[in-house]
Amino acid sequence: MILGYTINTGAIMLLALTGRWEAAAVLLVAEQAGCATSFLSNVSMALLEMMLWRIGIGIQESIMKALIVALVPTDAG
């Protein structure tokens, strides 16, 4: 997800500095790729929320918290 935002932001900044249309076209494609990358990382959470729509809010929140805890790596210190 962070990679998508980084690509998107970098492409937009470089787009402001470019003077050639060829470079601008490449940067526009890179910007769209960054948007797609950050969007695809959120699709799984959105699908899960749609599946849990009919469950009560408390149960839904508990399931989401459990999944987030399972996704976040712990320090093996």
PDB file of N, CA and C in Angstrom:
ATOM      1  N   MET A   1       0.828  -1.185   0.000  1.00  0.00           N
ATOM      2  CA  MET A   1       0.000   0.000   0.000  1.00  0.00           C
ATOM      3  C   MET A   1       0.875   1.253   0.000  1.00  0.00           C
ATOM      4  N   ILE A   2       1.902   1.250   0.835  1.00  0.00           N
ATOM      5  CA  ILE A   2       2.787   2.410   0.889  1.00  0.00           C
ATOM      6  C   ILE A   2       3.528   2.573  -0.432  1.00  0.00           C
ATOM      7  N   LEU A   3       3.859   1.456  -1.072  1.00  0.00           N
ATOM      8  CA  LEU A   3       4.537   1.521  -2.370  1.00  0.00           C
ATOM      9  C   LEU A   3       3.669   2.250  -3.397  1.00  0.00           C
ATOM     10  N   GLY A   4       2.379   1.976  -3.405  1.00  0.00           N
ATOM     11  CA  GLY A   4       1.476   2.642  -4.340  1.00  0.00           C
ATOM     12  C   GLY A   4       1.414   4.141  -4.119  1.00  0.00           C
ATOM     13  N   TYR A   5       1.325   4.552  -2.846  1.00  0.00           N
ATOM     14  CA  TYR A   5       1.288   5.980  -2.541  1.00  0.00           C
ATOM     15  C   TYR A   5       2.614   6.654  -2.877  1.00  0.00           C
ATOM     16  N   THR A   6       3.721   5.947  -2.671  1.00  0.00           N
ATOM     17  CA  THR A   6       5.033   6.500  -2.983  1.00  0.00           C
ATOM     18  C   THR A   6       5.194   6.710  -4.489  1.00  0.00           C
ATOM     19  N   ILE A   7       4.800   5.714  -5.274  1.00  0.00           N
ATOM     20  CA  ILE A   7       4.874   5.836  -6.741  1.00  0.00           C
ATOM     21  C   ILE A   7       3.989   6.986  -7.211  1.00  0.00           C
ATOM     22  N   ASN A   8       2.784   7.055  -6.661  1.00  0.00           N
ATOM     23  CA  ASN A   8       1.828   8.091  -7.052  1.00  0.00           C
ATOM     24  C   ASN A   8       2.382   9.482  -6.745  1.00  0.00           C
ATOM     25  N   THR A   9       2.874   9.682  -5.535  1.00  0.00           N
ATOM     26  CA  THR A   9       3.392  10.991  -5.132  1.00  0.00           C
ATOM     27  C   THR A   9       4.640  11.370  -5.928  1.00  0.00           C
ATOM     28  N   GLY A  10       5.556  10.419  -6.117  1.00  0.00           N
ATOM     29  CA  GLY A  10       6.767  10.708  -6.885  1.00  0.00           C
ATOM     30  C   GLY A  10       6.459  11.066  -8.326  1.00  0.00           C
ATOM     31  N   ALA A  11       5.517  10.355  -8.925  1.00  0.00           N
ATOM     32  CA  ALA A  11       5.163  10.640 -10.321  1.00  0.00           C
ATOM     33  C   ALA A  11       4.532  12.019 -10.459  1.00  0.00           C
ATOM     34  N   ILE A  12       3.687  12.394  -9.501  1.00  0.00           N
ATOM     35  CA  ILE A  12       3.047  13.716  -9.560  1.00  0.00           C
ATOM     36  C   ILE A  12       4.095  14.820  -9.417  1.00  0.00           C
ATOM     37  N   MET A  13       5.036  14.643  -8.479  1.00  0.00           N
ATOM     38  CA  MET A  13       6.082  15.663  -8.299  1.00  0.00           C
ATOM     39  C   MET A  13       6.954  15.799  -9.544  1.00  0.00           C
ATOM     40  N   LEU A  14       7.354  14.671 -10.124  1.00  0.00           N
ATOM     41  CA  LEU A  14       8.186  14.721 -11.328  1.00  0.00           C
ATOM     42  C   LEU A  14       7.413  15.267 -12.529  1.00  0.00           C
ATOM     43  N   LEU A  15       6.110  15.037 -12.539  1.00  0.00           N
ATOM     44  CA  LEU A  15       5.278  15.547 -13.635  1.00  0.00           C
ATOM     45  C   LEU A  15       5.305  17.070 -13.680  1.00  0.00           C
ATOM     46  N   ALA A  16       5.389  17.689 -12.510  1.00  0.00           N
ATOM     47  CA  ALA A  16       5.452  19.152 -12.462  1.00  0.00           C
ATOM     48  C   ALA A  16       6.771  19.679 -13.013  1.00  0.00           C
ATOM     49  N   LEU A  17       7.812  18.855 -13.001  1.00  0.00           N
ATOM     50  CA  LEU A  17       9.138  19.314 -13.432  1.00  0.00           C
ATOM     51  C   LEU A  17       9.488  18.949 -14.870  1.00  0.00           C
ATOM     52  N   THR A  18       8.731  18.046 -15.464  1.00  0.00           N
ATOM     53  CA  THR A  18       9.082  17.577 -16.802  1.00  0.00           C
ATOM     54  C   THR A  18       8.720  18.614 -17.861  1.00  0.00           C
ATOM     55  N   GLY A  19       9.505  18.609 -18.923  1.00  0.00           N
ATOM     56  CA  GLY A  19       9.261  19.553 -20.003  1.00  0.00           C
ATOM     57  C   GLY A  19       8.906  18.878 -21.322  1.00  0.00           C
ATOM     58  N   ARG A  20       8.936  17.548 -21.348  1.00  0.00           N
ATOM     59  CA  ARG A  20       8.660  16.820 -22.591  1.00  0.00           C
ATOM     60  C   ARG A  20       7.379  16.020 -22.435  1.00  0.00           C
ATOM     61  N   TRP A  21       6.632  15.921 -23.507  1.00  0.00           N
ATOM     62  CA  TRP A  21       5.359  15.212 -23.434  1.00  0.00           C
ATOM     63  C   TRP A  21       5.568  13.706 -23.293  1.00  0.00           C
ATOM     64  N   GLU A  22       6.680  13.186 -23.812  1.00  0.00           N
ATOM     65  CA  GLU A  22       6.951  11.752 -23.690  1.00  0.00           C
ATOM     66  C   GLU A  22       7.161  11.370 -22.227  1.00  0.00           C
ATOM     67  N   ALA A  23       7.941  12.187 -21.539  1.00  0.00           N
ATOM     68  CA  ALA A  23       8.178  11.942 -20.111  1.00  0.00           C
ATOM     69  C   ALA A  23       6.892  12.108 -19.317  1.00  0.00           C
ATOM     70  N   ALA A  24       6.086  13.094 -19.702  1.00  0.00           N
ATOM     71  CA  ALA A  24       4.813  13.306 -19.017  1.00  0.00           C
ATOM     72  C   ALA A  24       3.889  12.102 -19.199  1.00  0.00           C
ATOM     73  N   ALA A  25       3.890  11.510 -20.387  1.00  0.00           N
ATOM     74  CA  ALA A  25       3.048  10.338 -20.640  1.00  0.00           C
ATOM     75  C   ALA A  25       3.487   9.154 -19.778  1.00  0.00           C
ATOM     76  N   VAL A  26       4.798   8.953 -19.666  1.00  0.00           N
ATOM     77  CA  VAL A  26       5.320   7.861 -18.836  1.00  0.00           C
ATOM     78  C   VAL A  26       4.957   8.099 -17.373  1.00  0.00           C
ATOM     79  N   LEU A  27       5.088   9.343 -16.921  1.00  0.00           N
ATOM     80  CA  LEU A  27       4.765   9.656 -15.529  1.00  0.00           C
ATOM     81  C   LEU A  27       3.268   9.518 -15.246  1.00  0.00           C
ATOM     82  N   LEU A  28       2.420   9.824 -16.214  1.00  0.00           N
ATOM     83  CA  LEU A  28       0.983   9.625 -16.023  1.00  0.00           C
ATOM     84  C   LEU A  28       0.645   8.146 -15.888  1.00  0.00           C
ATOM     85  N   VAL A  29       1.305   7.312 -16.679  1.00  0.00           N
ATOM     86  CA  VAL A  29       1.104   5.863 -16.563  1.00  0.00           C
ATOM     87  C   VAL A  29       1.595   5.385 -15.199  1.00  0.00           C
ATOM     88  N   ALA A  30       2.743   5.884 -14.745  1.00  0.00           N
ATOM     89  CA  ALA A  30       3.279   5.502 -13.435  1.00  0.00           C
ATOM     90  C   ALA A  30       2.337   5.950 -12.317  1.00  0.00           C
ATOM     91  N   GLU A  31       1.760   7.126 -12.461  1.00  0.00           N
ATOM     92  CA  GLU A  31       0.820   7.627 -11.451  1.00  0.00           C
ATOM     93  C   GLU A  31      -0.408   6.736 -11.367  1.00  0.00           C
ATOM     94  N   GLN A  32      -0.914   6.317 -12.517  1.00  0.00           N
ATOM     95  CA  GLN A  32      -2.076   5.426 -12.529  1.00  0.00           C
ATOM     96  C   GLN A  32      -1.719   4.057 -11.963  1.00  0.00           C
ATOM     97  N   ALA A  33      -0.509   3.585 -12.222  1.00  0.00           N
ATOM     98  CA  ALA A  33      -0.071   2.311 -11.643  1.00  0.00           C
ATOM     99  C   ALA A  33       0.019   2.417 -10.125  1.00  0.00           C
ATOM    100  N   GLY A  34       0.472   3.556  -9.627  1.00  0.00           N
ATOM    101  CA  GLY A  34       0.512   3.769  -8.179  1.00  0.00           C
ATOM    102  C   GLY A  34      -0.875   3.782  -7.572  1.00  0.00           C
ATOM    103  N   CYS A  35      -1.812   4.421  -8.258  1.00  0.00           N
ATOM    104  CA  CYS A  35      -3.203   4.420  -7.772  1.00  0.00           C
ATOM    105  C   CYS A  35      -3.763   3.008  -7.761  1.00  0.00           C
ATOM    106  N   ALA A  36      -3.481   2.246  -8.799  1.00  0.00           N
ATOM    107  CA  ALA A  36      -3.991   0.868  -8.866  1.00  0.00           C
ATOM    108  C   ALA A  36      -3.386   0.006  -7.770  1.00  0.00           C
ATOM    109  N   THR A  37      -2.108   0.194  -7.490  1.00  0.00           N
ATOM    110  CA  THR A  37      -1.446  -0.591  -6.454  1.00  0.00           C
ATOM    111  C   THR A  37      -2.051  -0.306  -5.085  1.00  0.00           C
ATOM    112  N   SER A  38      -2.277   0.971  -4.770  1.00  0.00           N
ATOM    113  CA  SER A  38      -2.860   1.293  -3.467  1.00  0.00           C
ATOM    114  C   SER A  38      -4.317   0.875  -3.407  1.00  0.00           C
ATOM    115  N   PHE A  39      -5.022   0.886  -4.536  1.00  0.00           N
ATOM    116  CA  PHE A  39      -6.428   0.462  -4.548  1.00  0.00           C
ATOM    117  C   PHE A  39      -6.552  -1.044  -4.333  1.00  0.00           C
ATOM    118  N   LEU A  40      -5.701  -1.822  -4.988  1.00  0.00           N
ATOM    119  CA  LEU A  40      -5.814  -3.275  -4.884  1.00  0.00           C
ATOM    120  C   LEU A  40      -5.513  -3.776  -3.485  1.00  0.00           C
ATOM    121  N   SER A  41      -4.703  -3.056  -2.726  1.00  0.00           N
ATOM    122  CA  SER A  41      -4.431  -3.494  -1.367  1.00  0.00           C
ATOM    123  C   SER A  41      -5.636  -3.291  -0.459  1.00  0.00           C
ATOM    124  N   ASN A  42      -6.540  -2.393  -0.829  1.00  0.00           N
ATOM    125  CA  ASN A  42      -7.733  -2.144  -0.016  1.00  0.00           C
ATOM    126  C   ASN A  42      -8.919  -2.987  -0.446  1.00  0.00           C
ATOM    127  N   VAL A  43      -8.819  -3.685  -1.569  1.00  0.00           N
ATOM    128  CA  VAL A  43      -9.952  -4.451  -2.085  1.00  0.00           C
ATOM    129  C   VAL A  43     -10.327  -5.591  -1.145  1.00  0.00           C
ATOM    130  N   SER A  44      -9.334  -6.286  -0.600  1.00  0.00           N
ATOM    131  CA  SER A  44      -9.641  -7.422   0.269  1.00  0.00           C
ATOM    132  C   SER A  44     -10.383  -6.974   1.518  1.00  0.00           C
ATOM    133  N   MET A  45      -9.990  -5.853   2.108  1.00  0.00           N
ATOM    134  CA  MET A  45     -10.699  -5.346   3.288  1.00  0.00           C
ATOM    135  C   MET A  45     -12.113  -4.903   2.917  1.00  0.00           C
ATOM    136  N   ALA A  46     -12.288  -4.306   1.756  1.00  0.00           N
ATOM    137  CA  ALA A  46     -13.614  -3.881   1.333  1.00  0.00           C
ATOM    138  C   ALA A  46     -14.525  -5.082   1.096  1.00  0.00           C
ATOM    139  N   LEU A  47     -13.985  -6.135   0.490  1.00  0.00           N
ATOM    140  CA  LEU A  47     -14.787  -7.339   0.277  1.00  0.00           C
ATOM    141  C   LEU A  47     -15.174  -7.984   1.595  1.00  0.00           C
ATOM    142  N   LEU A  48     -14.259  -7.995   2.541  1.00  0.00           N
ATOM    143  CA  LEU A  48     -14.564  -8.552   3.855  1.00  0.00           C
ATOM    144  C   LEU A  48     -15.657  -7.747   4.541  1.00  0.00           C
ATOM    145  N   GLU A  49     -15.578  -6.436   4.458  1.00  0.00           N
ATOM    146  CA  GLU A  49     -16.602  -5.596   5.068  1.00  0.00           C
ATOM    147  C   GLU A  49     -17.965  -5.817   4.408  1.00  0.00           C
ATOM    148  N   MET A  50     -17.978  -6.044   3.101  1.00  0.00           N
ATOM    149  CA  MET A  50     -19.243  -6.320   2.429  1.00  0.00           C
ATOM    150  C   MET A  50     -19.828  -7.653   2.880  1.00  0.00           C
ATOM    151  N   MET A  51     -18.956  -8.659   3.097  1.00  0.00           N
ATOM    152  CA  MET A  51     -19.446  -9.959   3.554  1.00  0.00           C
ATOM    153  C   MET A  51     -19.986  -9.882   4.974  1.00  0.00           C
ATOM    154  N   LEU A  52     -19.410  -9.015   5.793  1.00  0.00           N
ATOM    155  CA  LEU A  52     -19.825  -8.902   7.190  1.00  0.00           C
ATOM    156  C   LEU A  52     -20.937  -7.873   7.393  1.00  0.00           C
ATOM    157  N   TRP A  53     -21.524  -7.373   6.341  1.00  0.00           N
ATOM    158  CA  TRP A  53     -22.485  -6.277   6.425  1.00  0.00           C
ATOM    159  C   TRP A  53     -23.701  -6.641   7.269  1.00  0.00           C
ATOM    160  N   ARG A  54     -24.217  -7.848   7.170  1.00  0.00           N
ATOM    161  CA  ARG A  54     -25.422  -8.227   7.885  1.00  0.00           C
ATOM    162  C   ARG A  54     -25.171  -8.660   9.325  1.00  0.00           C
ATOM    163  N   ILE A  55     -23.904  -8.812   9.699  1.00  0.00           N
ATOM    164  CA  ILE A  55     -23.578  -9.175  11.080  1.00  0.00           C
ATOM    165  C   ILE A  55     -23.634  -7.916  11.922  1.00  0.00           C
ATOM    166  N   GLY A  56     -23.911  -8.075  13.184  1.00  0.00           N
ATOM    167  CA  GLY A  56     -23.964  -6.929  14.083  1.00  0.00           C
ATOM    168  C   GLY A  56     -22.649  -6.181  14.143  1.00  0.00           C
ATOM    169  N   ILE A  57     -22.714  -4.910  14.500  1.00  0.00           N
ATOM    170  CA  ILE A  57     -21.539  -4.038  14.503  1.00  0.00           C
ATOM    171  C   ILE A  57     -20.475  -4.544  15.483  1.00  0.00           C
ATOM    172  N   GLY A  58     -20.867  -4.987  16.655  1.00  0.00           N
ATOM    173  CA  GLY A  58     -19.895  -5.461  17.647  1.00  0.00           C
ATOM    174  C   GLY A  58     -19.136  -6.674  17.167  1.00  0.00           C
ATOM    175  N   ILE A  59     -19.843  -7.639  16.602  1.00  0.00           N
ATOM    176  CA  ILE A  59     -19.193  -8.845  16.094  1.00  0.00           C
ATOM    177  C   ILE A  59     -18.308  -8.497  14.905  1.00  0.00           C
ATOM    178  N   GLN A  60     -18.796  -7.630  14.042  1.00  0.00           N
ATOM    179  CA  GLN A  60     -18.020  -7.228  12.871  1.00  0.00           C
ATOM    180  C   GLN A  60     -16.723  -6.545  13.305  1.00  0.00           C
ATOM    181  N   GLU A  61     -16.800  -5.679  14.293  1.00  0.00           N
ATOM    182  CA  GLU A  61     -15.605  -4.982  14.766  1.00  0.00           C
ATOM    183  C   GLU A  61     -14.611  -5.970  15.383  1.00  0.00           C
ATOM    184  N   SER A  62     -15.114  -6.956  16.098  1.00  0.00           N
ATOM    185  CA  SER A  62     -14.234  -7.959  16.700  1.00  0.00           C
ATOM    186  C   SER A  62     -13.523  -8.781  15.632  1.00  0.00           C
ATOM    187  N   ILE A  63     -14.241  -9.165  14.585  1.00  0.00           N
ATOM    188  CA  ILE A  63     -13.626  -9.941  13.505  1.00  0.00           C
ATOM    189  C   ILE A  63     -12.570  -9.105  12.789  1.00  0.00           C
ATOM    190  N   MET A  64     -12.869  -7.847  12.530  1.00  0.00           N
ATOM    191  CA  MET A  64     -11.905  -6.987  11.855  1.00  0.00           C
ATOM    192  C   MET A  64     -10.651  -6.786  12.707  1.00  0.00           C
ATOM    193  N   LYS A  65     -10.826  -6.577  14.018  1.00  0.00           N
ATOM    194  CA  LYS A  65      -9.668  -6.406  14.897  1.00  0.00           C
ATOM    195  C   LYS A  65      -8.818  -7.667  14.923  1.00  0.00           C
ATOM    196  N   ALA A  66      -9.459  -8.833  14.961  1.00  0.00           N
ATOM    197  CA  ALA A  66      -8.716 -10.094  14.970  1.00  0.00           C
ATOM    198  C   ALA A  66      -7.932 -10.267  13.675  1.00  0.00           C
ATOM    199  N   LEU A  67      -8.517  -9.900  12.552  1.00  0.00           N
ATOM    200  CA  LEU A  67      -7.810 -10.019  11.276  1.00  0.00           C
ATOM    201  C   LEU A  67      -6.650  -9.046  11.178  1.00  0.00           C
ATOM    202  N   ILE A  68      -6.836  -7.842  11.682  1.00  0.00           N
ATOM    203  CA  ILE A  68      -5.761  -6.856  11.642  1.00  0.00           C
ATOM    204  C   ILE A  68      -4.609  -7.305  12.531  1.00  0.00           C
ATOM    205  N   VAL A  69      -4.927  -7.843  13.708  1.00  0.00           N
ATOM    206  CA  VAL A  69      -3.879  -8.351  14.595  1.00  0.00           C
ATOM    207  C   VAL A  69      -3.135  -9.498  13.917  1.00  0.00           C
ATOM    208  N   ALA A  70      -3.860 -10.332  13.176  1.00  0.00           N
ATOM    209  CA  ALA A  70      -3.221 -11.462  12.484  1.00  0.00           C
ATOM    210  C   ALA A  70      -2.339 -10.970  11.330  1.00  0.00           C
ATOM    211  N   LEU A  71      -2.671  -9.826  10.715  1.00  0.00           N
ATOM    212  CA  LEU A  71      -1.908  -9.329   9.582  1.00  0.00           C
ATOM    213  C   LEU A  71      -0.673  -8.543   9.988  1.00  0.00           C
ATOM    214  N   VAL A  72      -0.696  -7.933  11.166  1.00  0.00           N
ATOM    215  CA  VAL A  72       0.418  -7.096  11.607  1.00  0.00           C
ATOM    216  C   VAL A  72       1.509  -8.001  12.176  1.00  0.00           C
ATOM    217  N   PRO A  73       2.715  -7.919  11.636  1.00  0.00           N
ATOM    218  CA  PRO A  73       3.790  -8.789  12.147  1.00  0.00           C
ATOM    219  C   PRO A  73       4.222  -8.344  13.542  1.00  0.00           C
ATOM    220  N   THR A  74       4.559  -9.306  14.350  1.00  0.00           N
ATOM    221  CA  THR A  74       5.046  -9.006  15.704  1.00  0.00           C
ATOM    222  C   THR A  74       6.569  -9.071  15.712  1.00  0.00           C
ATOM    223  N   ASP A  75       7.161  -8.328  16.602  1.00  0.00           N
ATOM    224  CA  ASP A  75       8.626  -8.327  16.743  1.00  0.00           C
ATOM    225  C   ASP A  75       9.040  -9.609  17.458  1.00  0.00           C
ATOM    226  N   ALA A  76       9.975 -10.294  16.882  1.00  0.00           N
ATOM    227  CA  ALA A  76      10.474 -11.527  17.488  1.00  0.00           C
ATOM    228  C   ALA A  76      11.694 -11.186  18.342  1.00  0.00           C
ATOM    229  N   GLY A  77      11.471 -10.347  19.362  1.00  0.00           N
ATOM    230  CA  GLY A  77      12.575  -9.863  20.178  1.00  0.00           C
ATOM    231  C   GLY A  77      12.821 -10.710  21.311  1.00  0.00           C
TER     232      GLY A  77
END
